[in-house]
Amino acid sequence: MKVIQYAKLPEHRKTFKKTPSGKYVYYKTRMYRNQNGTNTCDEICIGKLDEEKNLLIINKNYHKVFPTNEYYVNNVVEKTDKVDKYIVPFGVQNAVNKLSEDLGLTSLLKKHFGNNHTLFLSLVTYMISKGNVMSGYEKWAKKHYLPLRLHKTSQEISQIFAKIEETKILAFLDDWLDKAIEEEYIAYDVTSISSYSTNIRQVKYGYNRDSELLAQVNLAIFYGQDSKLPLYYTW
C-alpha cells in the first residue's frame, strides 16, 4: 500500500508546470529583478496536482516551505493489487512516544524546540534501533511509514541541529532538571572524546586518562542513580 498526503493548494505564489506524467505545483520562494532589470523568481516544486480533487499531493520539498501540517487534508491509502506482507514495526516508536509522554519530556521538547520535537523523538527511536549513524535515518523513516515531514537526509538533520541555539538547549536542560529530579542520589561521570575538527568550538587541548595531550571535547553527565534518568550534561 502507499499513503498519499494531500494538502490545500497555496493561495499565492504558486505556478503550474505540465509534464507527460501530470501537472506539478511550484512555489515562488523569492521574487526579484535580475541584473538586466527583468522580473524573475526562484521556485521549488512542492508536489503534484490531483486535478480531480483540486488538491496538492505533497512531496518532501513541501515541508521546506510549510513546516507544519496546517494545510493538510486527510491522507488517502492507495491500494495496490500486490499483497503486502510487510509488517510495519511500530513497537519501538510507540514505546518511545509513550515513555516520553509519561516522563513529561514531550511537552518540554515542544516548548523549547517547536515542531522539531516529533523529529527528535523519531531520531531517538532510530538511534535506539540502529545506532547514531544518521546516513541511514531517511531509509529507516520510509520503512516505518513515518510522516513525510520526518523523512530527512543526514545533511538536513545536521542543518536543523546547527540552527539550534545554545540558549534553548540550556533552557530545556534547566526545565528538565526541575521536572525530573527527585529525592535520590545524583551520579556524575566525565569522559573525553578526541577530535581534530576545526568546526567544533568546544574542542580544546588537554590531557586524557592516559596522560596524552590531545585535542578533545570534555563531556560530563549527571543522572539519577535509581531512576537512571539523564538529568544534565555539560561540555
Protein backbone atom coordinates (compact mmCIF):
# COMPACT_ATOMS: atom_id res chain seq x y z
CA MET A 1 0.00 0.00 0.00
CA LYS A 2 1.01 3.63 -0.41
CA VAL A 3 -0.04 6.57 1.74
CA ILE A 4 -0.69 9.79 -0.17
CA GLN A 5 -0.68 13.04 1.79
CA TYR A 6 -2.94 15.77 0.42
CA ALA A 7 -2.78 19.48 1.22
CA LYS A 8 -4.69 22.55 0.12
CA LEU A 9 -3.13 24.50 -2.73
CA PRO A 10 -1.28 27.67 -1.66
CA GLU A 11 -3.37 30.78 -2.25
CA HIS A 12 -0.45 32.80 -3.57
CA ARG A 13 2.95 32.37 -5.22
CA LYS A 14 2.05 29.12 -6.98
CA THR A 15 2.62 28.17 -10.60
CA PHE A 16 1.83 25.01 -12.55
CA LYS A 17 4.01 23.11 -14.98
CA LYS A 18 2.51 20.38 -17.13
CA THR A 19 4.56 17.28 -17.98
CA PRO A 20 3.68 13.95 -19.60
CA SER A 21 3.29 12.45 -16.10
CA GLY A 22 0.95 15.16 -14.83
CA LYS A 23 0.76 18.75 -13.62
CA TYR A 24 3.23 19.83 -10.93
CA VAL A 25 2.92 22.70 -8.49
CA TYR A 26 5.78 25.13 -7.93
CA TYR A 27 6.07 27.70 -5.16
CA LYS A 28 7.87 31.02 -5.66
CA THR A 29 10.29 31.29 -2.75
CA ARG A 30 11.82 34.57 -3.92
CA MET A 31 10.83 37.28 -6.41
CA TYR A 32 13.34 39.88 -7.58
CA ARG A 33 14.83 41.75 -10.53
CA ASN A 34 17.93 40.28 -12.15
CA GLN A 35 20.97 42.24 -13.35
CA ASN A 36 19.09 43.22 -16.51
CA GLY A 37 16.17 44.59 -14.51
CA THR A 38 13.86 41.77 -15.57
CA ASN A 39 11.37 40.39 -13.06
CA THR A 40 12.31 36.82 -12.15
CA CYS A 41 11.88 34.36 -9.30
CA ASP A 42 13.26 31.29 -7.57
CA GLU A 43 10.87 28.32 -7.49
CA ILE A 44 10.67 24.96 -5.79
CA CYS A 45 8.43 22.03 -6.72
CA ILE A 46 6.20 21.20 -3.73
CA GLY A 47 4.16 18.37 -5.23
CA LYS A 48 1.81 17.14 -7.91
CA LEU A 49 -1.71 18.39 -8.60
CA ASP A 50 -4.61 15.97 -8.24
CA GLU A 51 -6.77 17.63 -10.89
CA GLU A 52 -9.88 15.67 -9.96
CA LYS A 53 -9.76 16.73 -6.29
CA ASN A 54 -8.00 20.08 -6.93
CA LEU A 55 -5.62 19.22 -4.11
CA LEU A 56 -1.86 19.03 -3.83
CA ILE A 57 -0.13 15.68 -3.41
CA ILE A 58 2.81 16.92 -1.41
CA ASN A 59 6.43 15.91 -1.82
CA LYS A 60 9.38 16.33 0.53
CA ASN A 61 10.03 19.93 -0.56
CA TYR A 62 6.61 20.95 0.72
CA HIS A 63 7.88 20.99 4.31
CA LYS A 64 10.70 23.38 3.41
CA VAL A 65 8.01 25.96 2.62
CA PHE A 66 5.25 24.88 5.03
CA PRO A 67 6.90 23.23 8.07
CA THR A 68 3.60 22.44 9.84
CA ASN A 69 0.61 20.33 8.79
CA GLU A 70 -1.76 23.31 8.96
CA TYR A 71 -2.95 22.87 5.37
CA TYR A 72 -3.15 19.09 5.36
CA VAL A 73 -6.22 17.30 4.11
CA ASN A 74 -6.88 13.75 5.33
CA ASN A 75 -4.44 11.38 3.70
CA VAL A 76 -5.58 8.54 1.48
CA VAL A 77 -4.29 4.98 1.37
CA GLU A 78 -3.82 3.89 -2.21
CA LYS A 79 -4.33 0.15 -2.54
CA THR A 80 -2.37 -1.96 -4.98
CA ASP A 81 -3.04 -5.39 -6.43
CA LYS A 82 0.09 -6.74 -4.82
CA VAL A 83 -0.44 -8.42 -1.47
CA ASP A 84 1.53 -6.50 1.15
CA LYS A 85 3.22 -8.94 3.52
CA TYR A 86 5.38 -6.32 5.21
CA ILE A 87 4.65 -5.77 8.90
CA VAL A 88 5.26 -2.16 9.88
CA PRO A 89 7.42 -2.15 13.05
CA PHE A 90 5.63 0.47 15.15
CA GLY A 91 6.62 -1.04 18.51
CA VAL A 92 9.79 0.86 19.39
CA GLN A 93 8.42 4.21 18.16
CA ASN A 94 5.22 3.77 20.17
CA ALA A 95 7.22 2.79 23.26
CA VAL A 96 9.47 5.85 22.95
CA ASN A 97 6.48 8.16 22.43
CA LYS A 98 4.62 6.70 25.43
CA LEU A 99 7.66 6.88 27.71
CA SER A 100 8.35 10.45 26.61
CA GLU A 101 4.75 11.45 27.36
CA ASP A 102 4.79 9.76 30.78
CA LEU A 103 8.03 11.50 31.77
CA GLY A 104 6.80 14.90 30.63
CA LEU A 105 9.59 15.05 28.08
CA THR A 106 7.34 15.57 25.05
CA SER A 107 5.81 18.78 26.38
CA LEU A 108 9.26 20.21 27.19
CA LEU A 109 10.64 19.33 23.75
CA LYS A 110 7.65 21.02 22.13
CA LYS A 111 8.03 24.08 24.38
CA HIS A 112 11.68 24.67 23.55
CA PHE A 113 12.08 23.22 20.03
CA GLY A 114 8.62 23.64 18.50
CA ASN A 115 7.69 21.48 15.52
CA ASN A 116 11.05 19.69 15.62
CA HIS A 117 10.02 17.76 18.75
CA THR A 118 8.49 14.92 16.67
CA LEU A 119 11.66 14.68 14.58
CA PHE A 120 13.80 14.47 17.72
CA LEU A 121 11.70 11.61 19.11
CA SER A 122 11.90 9.71 15.83
CA LEU A 123 15.68 10.24 15.81
CA VAL A 124 15.84 8.84 19.34
CA THR A 125 13.91 5.78 18.18
CA TYR A 126 16.24 5.35 15.20
CA MET A 127 19.35 5.62 17.39
CA ILE A 128 17.96 3.05 19.83
CA SER A 129 17.27 0.67 16.94
CA LYS A 130 20.15 1.34 14.55
CA GLY A 131 22.84 3.43 16.24
CA ASN A 132 23.86 7.04 15.68
CA VAL A 133 24.98 6.98 12.03
CA MET A 134 22.48 9.42 10.53
CA SER A 135 23.08 8.39 6.91
CA GLY A 136 20.61 5.52 7.37
CA TYR A 137 17.83 7.54 9.00
CA GLU A 138 15.92 8.58 5.87
CA LYS A 139 15.62 4.98 4.63
CA TRP A 140 14.55 3.88 8.12
CA ALA A 141 11.88 6.62 8.26
CA LYS A 142 10.41 5.47 4.94
CA LYS A 143 10.43 1.83 6.03
CA HIS A 144 8.50 2.75 9.17
CA TYR A 145 5.96 4.86 7.24
CA LEU A 146 6.73 7.98 9.25
CA PRO A 147 5.07 11.21 8.04
CA LEU A 148 6.77 12.73 5.02
CA ARG A 149 7.95 15.75 7.03
CA LEU A 150 10.14 13.38 9.10
CA HIS A 151 11.98 11.96 6.07
CA LYS A 152 15.28 13.81 6.46
CA THR A 153 18.70 13.23 4.96
CA SER A 154 21.75 13.34 7.21
CA GLN A 155 22.61 16.74 5.73
CA GLU A 156 19.16 18.12 6.57
CA ILE A 157 19.44 16.75 10.11
CA SER A 158 22.82 18.46 10.51
CA GLN A 159 21.34 21.74 9.29
CA ILE A 160 18.50 21.50 11.81
CA PHE A 161 20.91 20.77 14.65
CA ALA A 162 23.18 23.66 13.58
CA LYS A 163 20.29 26.13 13.88
CA ILE A 164 19.50 25.20 17.49
CA GLU A 165 20.68 27.99 19.77
CA GLU A 166 22.72 27.04 22.81
CA THR A 167 20.44 29.17 25.00
CA LYS A 168 17.50 26.94 24.01
CA ILE A 169 19.44 23.81 24.91
CA LEU A 170 20.36 25.20 28.32
CA ALA A 171 16.79 26.39 28.97
CA PHE A 172 15.49 22.92 28.10
CA LEU A 173 18.03 21.26 30.41
CA ASP A 174 17.08 23.61 33.27
CA ASP A 175 13.36 22.81 32.85
CA TRP A 176 14.08 19.08 32.55
CA LEU A 177 16.20 19.13 35.69
CA ASP A 178 13.43 20.90 37.63
CA LYS A 179 10.85 18.40 36.39
CA ALA A 180 12.80 15.15 36.65
CA ILE A 181 14.83 15.48 39.82
CA GLU A 182 13.56 13.61 42.89
CA GLU A 183 14.92 12.68 46.29
CA GLU A 184 17.65 10.39 45.05
CA TYR A 185 21.40 10.39 44.74
CA ILE A 186 22.78 12.06 41.65
CA ALA A 187 25.61 10.23 39.91
CA TYR A 188 28.25 12.05 37.91
CA ASP A 189 30.61 10.89 35.18
CA VAL A 190 33.06 12.52 32.81
CA THR A 191 34.75 11.45 29.63
CA SER A 192 36.76 12.98 26.81
CA ILE A 193 36.46 12.45 23.07
CA SER A 194 39.47 13.15 20.87
CA SER A 195 38.78 15.32 17.84
CA TYR A 196 40.82 17.30 15.35
CA SER A 197 37.80 19.11 13.93
CA THR A 198 38.21 22.84 13.46
CA ASN A 199 34.43 23.34 13.35
CA ILE A 200 33.66 22.32 16.95
CA ARG A 201 34.35 25.26 19.24
CA GLN A 202 34.32 23.04 22.35
CA VAL A 203 37.49 21.25 21.18
CA LYS A 204 40.46 22.18 23.38
CA TYR A 205 43.82 20.65 24.11
CA GLY A 206 44.00 18.68 27.33
CA TYR A 207 45.30 15.51 28.93
CA ASN A 208 43.23 12.35 28.67
CA ARG A 209 43.23 9.50 31.20
CA ASP A 210 46.37 8.10 29.61
CA SER A 211 48.14 11.45 30.19
CA GLU A 212 48.25 12.16 26.45
CA LEU A 213 47.98 15.79 25.36
CA LEU A 214 45.28 15.76 22.67
CA ALA A 215 42.66 17.98 21.09
CA GLN A 216 39.45 16.80 22.74
CA VAL A 217 35.94 17.55 23.90
CA ASN A 218 35.34 17.04 27.61
CA LEU A 219 31.85 15.83 28.49
CA ALA A 220 30.16 15.49 31.87
CA ILE A 221 26.75 13.97 32.65
CA PHE A 222 24.56 13.89 35.75
CA TYR A 223 21.89 11.23 36.16
CA GLY A 224 19.62 9.82 38.85
CA GLN A 225 21.24 6.81 40.47
CA ASP A 226 17.92 4.97 40.99
CA SER A 227 15.81 6.30 38.12
CA LYS A 228 18.74 6.10 35.65
CA LEU A 229 17.36 9.25 34.01
CA PRO A 230 19.92 11.62 32.50
CA LEU A 231 19.42 14.95 34.24
CA TYR A 232 22.03 17.33 32.90
CA TYR A 233 25.16 17.42 30.78
CA THR A 234 27.88 19.96 30.15
CA TRP A 235 30.97 20.21 28.00
